[in-house]
Amino acid sequence: MLNPDILALNEDQTSEVRSSWKNNYLSWKNNPYPKIIIKYEDLHQDTLTTFKKILNFINLFEKIEINESKIHDVIEKCSFKNLSEIEKKDGFTQNYSNTNFFRKGLIDEWKTELDRNLIKKIETNFKDEMKELGYI
């Protein structure tokens, strides 16, 4: 999260560049193409409105059917609770560690779970971006 550039070797022996959270965020923010920035917190606090915002954005470029019944079905299937249960039963291919990818799904958990020194380091390194996104 803090390292600006890491070349990682995946289990399938493919490599990928992993950069800092700040570099990742700024690469999306400063991209000249149309975009919306959706935070996990947005989806968690108002799933329906945020999901419709995403669909309306997609609809600007590719006409799609926006069906209320399908929206509710997708929200249920992609809920944290449902995905967590699927991971427990079947695993999750994007998980590269021995811990669950879908752990608790809580908002601001980092503020109570991380070591105080690490929190200070994160807030110092990402201060402007975290303020902009409303994290601090």
N, C-alpha and C. Protein backbone atom coordinates (compact mmCIF):
# COMPACT_ATOMS: atom_id res chain seq x y z
N MET A 1 0.81 -1.20 0.00
CA MET A 1 0.00 0.00 0.00
C MET A 1 0.86 1.27 0.00
N LEU A 2 2.00 1.19 0.66
CA LEU A 2 2.87 2.36 0.75
C LEU A 2 3.99 2.34 -0.29
N ASN A 3 4.33 1.17 -0.81
CA ASN A 3 5.43 1.06 -1.77
C ASN A 3 5.01 1.63 -3.12
N PRO A 4 5.82 2.53 -3.67
CA PRO A 4 5.43 3.14 -4.94
C PRO A 4 5.44 2.16 -6.11
N ASP A 5 6.35 1.21 -6.13
CA ASP A 5 6.40 0.25 -7.24
C ASP A 5 6.93 -1.09 -6.77
N ILE A 6 6.14 -2.12 -7.03
CA ILE A 6 6.55 -3.48 -6.72
C ILE A 6 6.21 -4.34 -7.92
N LEU A 7 7.13 -5.14 -8.36
CA LEU A 7 6.83 -6.12 -9.39
C LEU A 7 6.54 -7.42 -8.68
N ALA A 8 5.31 -7.89 -8.76
CA ALA A 8 4.89 -9.08 -8.03
C ALA A 8 4.77 -10.24 -9.00
N LEU A 9 5.13 -11.41 -8.52
CA LEU A 9 4.97 -12.64 -9.29
C LEU A 9 3.78 -13.39 -8.72
N ASN A 10 2.78 -13.60 -9.56
CA ASN A 10 1.57 -14.28 -9.13
C ASN A 10 1.76 -15.79 -9.12
N GLU A 11 0.81 -16.49 -8.50
CA GLU A 11 0.89 -17.95 -8.41
C GLU A 11 1.01 -18.62 -9.77
N ASP A 12 0.39 -18.02 -10.79
CA ASP A 12 0.44 -18.61 -12.13
C ASP A 12 1.69 -18.17 -12.90
N GLN A 13 2.63 -17.57 -12.18
CA GLN A 13 3.92 -17.13 -12.70
C GLN A 13 3.83 -15.93 -13.63
N THR A 14 2.68 -15.25 -13.67
CA THR A 14 2.59 -14.00 -14.40
C THR A 14 2.99 -12.88 -13.45
N SER A 15 3.51 -11.81 -14.01
CA SER A 15 3.93 -10.70 -13.15
C SER A 15 2.96 -9.54 -13.32
N GLU A 16 2.88 -8.72 -12.29
CA GLU A 16 2.08 -7.52 -12.35
C GLU A 16 2.75 -6.45 -11.50
N VAL A 17 2.58 -5.20 -11.93
CA VAL A 17 3.13 -4.10 -11.16
C VAL A 17 2.07 -3.68 -10.15
N ARG A 18 2.45 -3.64 -8.90
CA ARG A 18 1.58 -3.15 -7.84
C ARG A 18 2.21 -1.89 -7.32
N SER A 19 1.44 -0.86 -7.24
CA SER A 19 1.97 0.42 -6.81
C SER A 19 1.28 0.87 -5.53
N SER A 20 1.62 2.04 -5.08
CA SER A 20 1.01 2.54 -3.84
C SER A 20 -0.46 2.87 -4.07
N TRP A 21 -1.20 2.92 -2.99
CA TRP A 21 -2.61 3.29 -3.06
C TRP A 21 -2.74 4.67 -3.69
N LYS A 22 -1.85 5.58 -3.31
CA LYS A 22 -1.88 6.95 -3.84
C LYS A 22 -1.68 6.95 -5.36
N ASN A 23 -0.66 6.25 -5.83
CA ASN A 23 -0.42 6.19 -7.28
C ASN A 23 -1.60 5.58 -8.01
N ASN A 24 -2.17 4.55 -7.43
CA ASN A 24 -3.31 3.90 -8.06
C ASN A 24 -4.49 4.88 -8.14
N TYR A 25 -4.82 5.52 -7.03
CA TYR A 25 -5.93 6.47 -7.01
C TYR A 25 -5.69 7.61 -7.99
N LEU A 26 -4.51 8.21 -7.95
CA LEU A 26 -4.22 9.36 -8.82
C LEU A 26 -4.22 8.97 -10.29
N SER A 27 -3.83 7.73 -10.59
CA SER A 27 -3.85 7.30 -12.00
C SER A 27 -5.28 7.28 -12.53
N TRP A 28 -6.23 6.90 -11.67
CA TRP A 28 -7.64 6.92 -12.08
C TRP A 28 -8.17 8.36 -12.09
N LYS A 29 -7.89 9.09 -11.05
CA LYS A 29 -8.41 10.45 -10.91
C LYS A 29 -7.93 11.35 -12.05
N ASN A 30 -6.66 11.26 -12.40
CA ASN A 30 -6.07 12.15 -13.40
C ASN A 30 -6.21 11.64 -14.83
N ASN A 31 -6.79 10.48 -15.01
CA ASN A 31 -7.03 9.95 -16.34
C ASN A 31 -7.98 10.89 -17.08
N PRO A 32 -7.66 11.26 -18.33
CA PRO A 32 -8.50 12.24 -19.04
C PRO A 32 -9.85 11.70 -19.51
N TYR A 33 -10.07 10.41 -19.42
CA TYR A 33 -11.31 9.82 -19.90
C TYR A 33 -12.43 10.00 -18.90
N PRO A 34 -13.68 9.98 -19.38
CA PRO A 34 -14.81 10.10 -18.45
C PRO A 34 -14.75 9.00 -17.39
N LYS A 35 -15.13 9.37 -16.18
CA LYS A 35 -15.05 8.40 -15.09
C LYS A 35 -15.96 8.82 -13.95
N ILE A 36 -16.25 7.86 -13.10
CA ILE A 36 -16.84 8.16 -11.80
C ILE A 36 -16.00 7.40 -10.79
N ILE A 37 -15.84 7.99 -9.65
CA ILE A 37 -15.07 7.33 -8.59
C ILE A 37 -16.07 6.86 -7.55
N ILE A 38 -16.09 5.56 -7.33
CA ILE A 38 -17.01 4.94 -6.38
C ILE A 38 -16.17 4.34 -5.26
N LYS A 39 -16.50 4.71 -4.05
CA LYS A 39 -15.80 4.14 -2.90
C LYS A 39 -16.63 2.98 -2.34
N TYR A 40 -15.95 2.07 -1.69
CA TYR A 40 -16.63 0.96 -1.02
C TYR A 40 -17.70 1.52 -0.07
N GLU A 41 -17.35 2.59 0.61
CA GLU A 41 -18.28 3.19 1.56
C GLU A 41 -19.58 3.63 0.89
N ASP A 42 -19.48 4.15 -0.35
CA ASP A 42 -20.67 4.54 -1.10
C ASP A 42 -21.58 3.33 -1.34
N LEU A 43 -20.97 2.25 -1.78
CA LEU A 43 -21.74 1.04 -2.05
C LEU A 43 -22.34 0.46 -0.77
N HIS A 44 -21.60 0.54 0.29
CA HIS A 44 -22.05 -0.02 1.56
C HIS A 44 -23.21 0.80 2.15
N GLN A 45 -23.08 2.12 2.10
CA GLN A 45 -24.06 2.98 2.76
C GLN A 45 -25.33 3.19 1.95
N ASP A 46 -25.22 3.20 0.63
CA ASP A 46 -26.40 3.39 -0.22
C ASP A 46 -26.22 2.60 -1.50
N THR A 47 -26.33 1.30 -1.37
CA THR A 47 -26.04 0.38 -2.47
C THR A 47 -26.89 0.67 -3.70
N LEU A 48 -28.17 0.80 -3.53
CA LEU A 48 -29.07 0.97 -4.67
C LEU A 48 -28.75 2.25 -5.45
N THR A 49 -28.64 3.37 -4.77
CA THR A 49 -28.35 4.64 -5.45
C THR A 49 -26.99 4.59 -6.14
N THR A 50 -26.00 4.04 -5.46
CA THR A 50 -24.65 3.98 -6.04
C THR A 50 -24.61 3.06 -7.25
N PHE A 51 -25.29 1.93 -7.16
CA PHE A 51 -25.32 1.00 -8.29
C PHE A 51 -26.02 1.64 -9.49
N LYS A 52 -27.11 2.35 -9.24
CA LYS A 52 -27.81 3.04 -10.33
C LYS A 52 -26.92 4.12 -10.94
N LYS A 53 -26.13 4.78 -10.11
CA LYS A 53 -25.20 5.80 -10.61
C LYS A 53 -24.20 5.16 -11.58
N ILE A 54 -23.72 3.97 -11.22
CA ILE A 54 -22.78 3.25 -12.09
C ILE A 54 -23.47 2.87 -13.41
N LEU A 55 -24.67 2.34 -13.32
CA LEU A 55 -25.41 1.94 -14.52
C LEU A 55 -25.71 3.14 -15.42
N ASN A 56 -26.10 4.25 -14.83
CA ASN A 56 -26.36 5.46 -15.62
C ASN A 56 -25.10 5.97 -16.30
N PHE A 57 -23.97 5.84 -15.63
CA PHE A 57 -22.69 6.24 -16.24
C PHE A 57 -22.38 5.33 -17.43
N ILE A 58 -22.52 4.04 -17.26
CA ILE A 58 -22.29 3.10 -18.37
C ILE A 58 -23.23 3.42 -19.52
N ASN A 59 -24.46 3.74 -19.19
CA ASN A 59 -25.48 4.02 -20.19
C ASN A 59 -25.15 5.24 -21.06
N LEU A 60 -24.27 6.10 -20.59
CA LEU A 60 -23.84 7.24 -21.40
C LEU A 60 -23.06 6.79 -22.63
N PHE A 61 -22.44 5.62 -22.54
CA PHE A 61 -21.54 5.15 -23.61
C PHE A 61 -22.04 3.90 -24.31
N GLU A 62 -22.76 3.10 -23.59
CA GLU A 62 -23.29 1.84 -24.13
C GLU A 62 -24.70 1.69 -23.58
N LYS A 63 -25.65 1.75 -24.48
CA LYS A 63 -27.05 1.68 -24.04
C LYS A 63 -27.33 0.30 -23.44
N ILE A 64 -27.77 0.32 -22.20
CA ILE A 64 -28.09 -0.91 -21.48
C ILE A 64 -29.48 -0.78 -20.88
N GLU A 65 -30.10 -1.90 -20.69
CA GLU A 65 -31.41 -1.91 -20.04
C GLU A 65 -31.19 -1.76 -18.53
N ILE A 66 -31.88 -0.83 -17.95
CA ILE A 66 -31.81 -0.66 -16.50
C ILE A 66 -33.14 -1.13 -15.94
N ASN A 67 -33.10 -2.32 -15.36
CA ASN A 67 -34.29 -3.00 -14.89
C ASN A 67 -34.23 -3.11 -13.38
N GLU A 68 -35.22 -2.53 -12.72
CA GLU A 68 -35.25 -2.47 -11.25
C GLU A 68 -35.15 -3.85 -10.61
N SER A 69 -35.86 -4.81 -11.16
CA SER A 69 -35.85 -6.16 -10.61
C SER A 69 -34.46 -6.79 -10.73
N LYS A 70 -33.82 -6.62 -11.88
CA LYS A 70 -32.47 -7.15 -12.08
C LYS A 70 -31.47 -6.46 -11.16
N ILE A 71 -31.66 -5.18 -10.95
CA ILE A 71 -30.76 -4.42 -10.07
C ILE A 71 -30.80 -5.02 -8.66
N HIS A 72 -31.99 -5.25 -8.16
CA HIS A 72 -32.12 -5.81 -6.81
C HIS A 72 -31.53 -7.23 -6.73
N ASP A 73 -31.69 -8.00 -7.80
CA ASP A 73 -31.13 -9.35 -7.85
C ASP A 73 -29.60 -9.31 -7.82
N VAL A 74 -29.02 -8.42 -8.61
CA VAL A 74 -27.56 -8.29 -8.66
C VAL A 74 -27.03 -7.82 -7.31
N ILE A 75 -27.71 -6.87 -6.70
CA ILE A 75 -27.27 -6.36 -5.39
C ILE A 75 -27.26 -7.49 -4.37
N GLU A 76 -28.29 -8.32 -4.39
CA GLU A 76 -28.35 -9.45 -3.45
C GLU A 76 -27.23 -10.45 -3.73
N LYS A 77 -27.03 -10.81 -4.99
CA LYS A 77 -26.00 -11.79 -5.35
C LYS A 77 -24.59 -11.29 -5.05
N CYS A 78 -24.40 -9.98 -5.14
CA CYS A 78 -23.07 -9.40 -4.91
C CYS A 78 -22.92 -8.81 -3.52
N SER A 79 -23.86 -9.09 -2.65
CA SER A 79 -23.75 -8.56 -1.29
C SER A 79 -22.51 -9.13 -0.61
N PHE A 80 -21.98 -8.39 0.32
CA PHE A 80 -20.80 -8.85 1.05
C PHE A 80 -21.08 -10.18 1.72
N LYS A 81 -22.23 -10.29 2.33
CA LYS A 81 -22.61 -11.52 3.03
C LYS A 81 -22.62 -12.71 2.06
N ASN A 82 -23.23 -12.54 0.90
CA ASN A 82 -23.30 -13.63 -0.07
C ASN A 82 -21.91 -13.99 -0.61
N LEU A 83 -21.13 -13.00 -0.97
CA LEU A 83 -19.79 -13.28 -1.50
C LEU A 83 -18.89 -13.93 -0.45
N SER A 84 -19.06 -13.52 0.79
CA SER A 84 -18.29 -14.12 1.88
C SER A 84 -18.65 -15.60 2.05
N GLU A 85 -19.92 -15.90 1.96
CA GLU A 85 -20.36 -17.30 2.06
C GLU A 85 -19.85 -18.14 0.89
N ILE A 86 -19.87 -17.57 -0.31
CA ILE A 86 -19.35 -18.27 -1.49
C ILE A 86 -17.85 -18.54 -1.31
N GLU A 87 -17.11 -17.54 -0.80
CA GLU A 87 -15.67 -17.73 -0.58
C GLU A 87 -15.42 -18.85 0.42
N LYS A 88 -16.19 -18.90 1.49
CA LYS A 88 -16.00 -19.95 2.49
C LYS A 88 -16.25 -21.33 1.89
N LYS A 89 -17.23 -21.40 1.00
CA LYS A 89 -17.60 -22.67 0.39
C LYS A 89 -16.67 -23.07 -0.76
N ASP A 90 -16.38 -22.10 -1.65
CA ASP A 90 -15.67 -22.43 -2.90
C ASP A 90 -14.29 -21.79 -3.03
N GLY A 91 -13.92 -20.90 -2.11
CA GLY A 91 -12.66 -20.18 -2.25
C GLY A 91 -12.85 -18.94 -3.11
N PHE A 92 -11.77 -18.19 -3.28
CA PHE A 92 -11.81 -16.96 -4.07
C PHE A 92 -10.49 -16.84 -4.81
N THR A 93 -10.54 -16.87 -6.14
CA THR A 93 -9.31 -16.96 -6.93
C THR A 93 -8.40 -15.74 -6.82
N GLN A 94 -8.93 -14.58 -6.46
CA GLN A 94 -8.09 -13.38 -6.36
C GLN A 94 -7.39 -13.27 -5.01
N ASN A 95 -7.62 -14.22 -4.14
CA ASN A 95 -7.02 -14.18 -2.80
C ASN A 95 -5.63 -14.82 -2.85
N TYR A 96 -4.61 -14.01 -2.57
CA TYR A 96 -3.23 -14.50 -2.63
C TYR A 96 -2.64 -14.74 -1.25
N SER A 97 -3.49 -14.84 -0.23
CA SER A 97 -2.98 -15.07 1.12
C SER A 97 -3.80 -16.17 1.78
N ASN A 98 -3.45 -16.50 2.99
CA ASN A 98 -4.16 -17.55 3.71
C ASN A 98 -5.34 -17.00 4.51
N THR A 99 -5.63 -15.71 4.37
CA THR A 99 -6.77 -15.12 5.06
C THR A 99 -7.92 -14.93 4.08
N ASN A 100 -9.10 -14.74 4.60
CA ASN A 100 -10.25 -14.52 3.74
C ASN A 100 -10.14 -13.17 3.06
N PHE A 101 -10.45 -13.13 1.77
CA PHE A 101 -10.51 -11.87 1.04
C PHE A 101 -11.69 -11.05 1.57
N PHE A 102 -12.84 -11.71 1.72
CA PHE A 102 -14.03 -11.07 2.27
C PHE A 102 -14.02 -11.30 3.79
N ARG A 103 -13.39 -10.38 4.51
CA ARG A 103 -13.24 -10.57 5.96
C ARG A 103 -14.48 -10.13 6.71
N LYS A 104 -14.61 -8.84 6.96
CA LYS A 104 -15.73 -8.33 7.75
C LYS A 104 -16.59 -7.34 6.97
N GLY A 105 -15.97 -6.59 6.07
CA GLY A 105 -16.71 -5.63 5.27
C GLY A 105 -17.15 -4.39 6.02
N LEU A 106 -16.46 -4.06 7.10
CA LEU A 106 -16.85 -2.92 7.92
C LEU A 106 -16.25 -1.62 7.38
N ILE A 107 -16.94 -0.53 7.63
CA ILE A 107 -16.45 0.79 7.27
C ILE A 107 -15.47 1.26 8.35
N ASP A 108 -14.37 1.85 7.93
CA ASP A 108 -13.36 2.44 8.82
C ASP A 108 -12.72 1.44 9.78
N GLU A 109 -12.77 0.16 9.48
CA GLU A 109 -12.17 -0.83 10.37
C GLU A 109 -10.67 -0.61 10.54
N TRP A 110 -10.04 -0.06 9.52
CA TRP A 110 -8.61 0.18 9.57
C TRP A 110 -8.24 1.08 10.75
N LYS A 111 -9.16 1.95 11.16
CA LYS A 111 -8.87 2.88 12.26
C LYS A 111 -8.75 2.18 13.60
N THR A 112 -9.33 0.99 13.73
CA THR A 112 -9.26 0.26 14.99
C THR A 112 -8.39 -0.99 14.90
N GLU A 113 -8.19 -1.51 13.68
CA GLU A 113 -7.45 -2.76 13.52
C GLU A 113 -5.95 -2.57 13.28
N LEU A 114 -5.57 -1.46 12.67
CA LEU A 114 -4.16 -1.24 12.36
C LEU A 114 -3.42 -0.65 13.54
N ASP A 115 -2.14 -0.93 13.58
CA ASP A 115 -1.26 -0.35 14.59
C ASP A 115 -1.25 1.17 14.44
N ARG A 116 -1.25 1.87 15.57
CA ARG A 116 -1.31 3.34 15.57
C ARG A 116 -0.19 3.96 14.72
N ASN A 117 1.02 3.39 14.76
CA ASN A 117 2.13 3.92 13.96
C ASN A 117 1.87 3.76 12.47
N LEU A 118 1.26 2.64 12.08
CA LEU A 118 0.93 2.43 10.67
C LEU A 118 -0.17 3.39 10.23
N ILE A 119 -1.15 3.62 11.08
CA ILE A 119 -2.21 4.58 10.75
C ILE A 119 -1.61 5.96 10.50
N LYS A 120 -0.70 6.36 11.38
CA LYS A 120 -0.05 7.67 11.22
C LYS A 120 0.74 7.73 9.91
N LYS A 121 1.43 6.65 9.58
CA LYS A 121 2.21 6.59 8.35
C LYS A 121 1.29 6.69 7.13
N ILE A 122 0.19 5.98 7.15
CA ILE A 122 -0.78 6.02 6.04
C ILE A 122 -1.36 7.42 5.90
N GLU A 123 -1.79 8.00 7.02
CA GLU A 123 -2.39 9.33 6.97
C GLU A 123 -1.39 10.39 6.53
N THR A 124 -0.14 10.23 6.88
CA THR A 124 0.90 11.17 6.45
C THR A 124 1.17 11.04 4.96
N ASN A 125 1.32 9.80 4.48
CA ASN A 125 1.64 9.58 3.07
C ASN A 125 0.49 9.90 2.12
N PHE A 126 -0.72 9.74 2.58
CA PHE A 126 -1.89 9.88 1.70
C PHE A 126 -2.83 11.00 2.15
N LYS A 127 -2.31 11.95 2.92
CA LYS A 127 -3.14 12.97 3.56
C LYS A 127 -4.06 13.69 2.58
N ASP A 128 -3.53 14.24 1.51
CA ASP A 128 -4.34 15.02 0.57
C ASP A 128 -5.43 14.16 -0.07
N GLU A 129 -5.07 12.98 -0.51
CA GLU A 129 -6.03 12.10 -1.17
C GLU A 129 -7.10 11.61 -0.19
N MET A 130 -6.68 11.30 1.03
CA MET A 130 -7.65 10.83 2.04
C MET A 130 -8.62 11.94 2.42
N LYS A 131 -8.14 13.18 2.50
CA LYS A 131 -9.03 14.30 2.78
C LYS A 131 -10.00 14.49 1.62
N GLU A 132 -9.48 14.44 0.42
CA GLU A 132 -10.32 14.62 -0.77
C GLU A 132 -11.45 13.59 -0.82
N LEU A 133 -11.15 12.37 -0.40
CA LEU A 133 -12.15 11.29 -0.45
C LEU A 133 -12.97 11.18 0.84
N GLY A 134 -12.66 12.01 1.83
CA GLY A 134 -13.43 12.02 3.06
C GLY A 134 -13.07 10.96 4.06
N TYR A 135 -11.86 10.41 3.96
CA TYR A 135 -11.42 9.38 4.91
C TYR A 135 -10.87 9.99 6.19
N ILE A 136 -10.32 11.19 6.09
CA ILE A 136 -9.82 11.89 7.28
C ILE A 136 -10.30 13.34 7.21
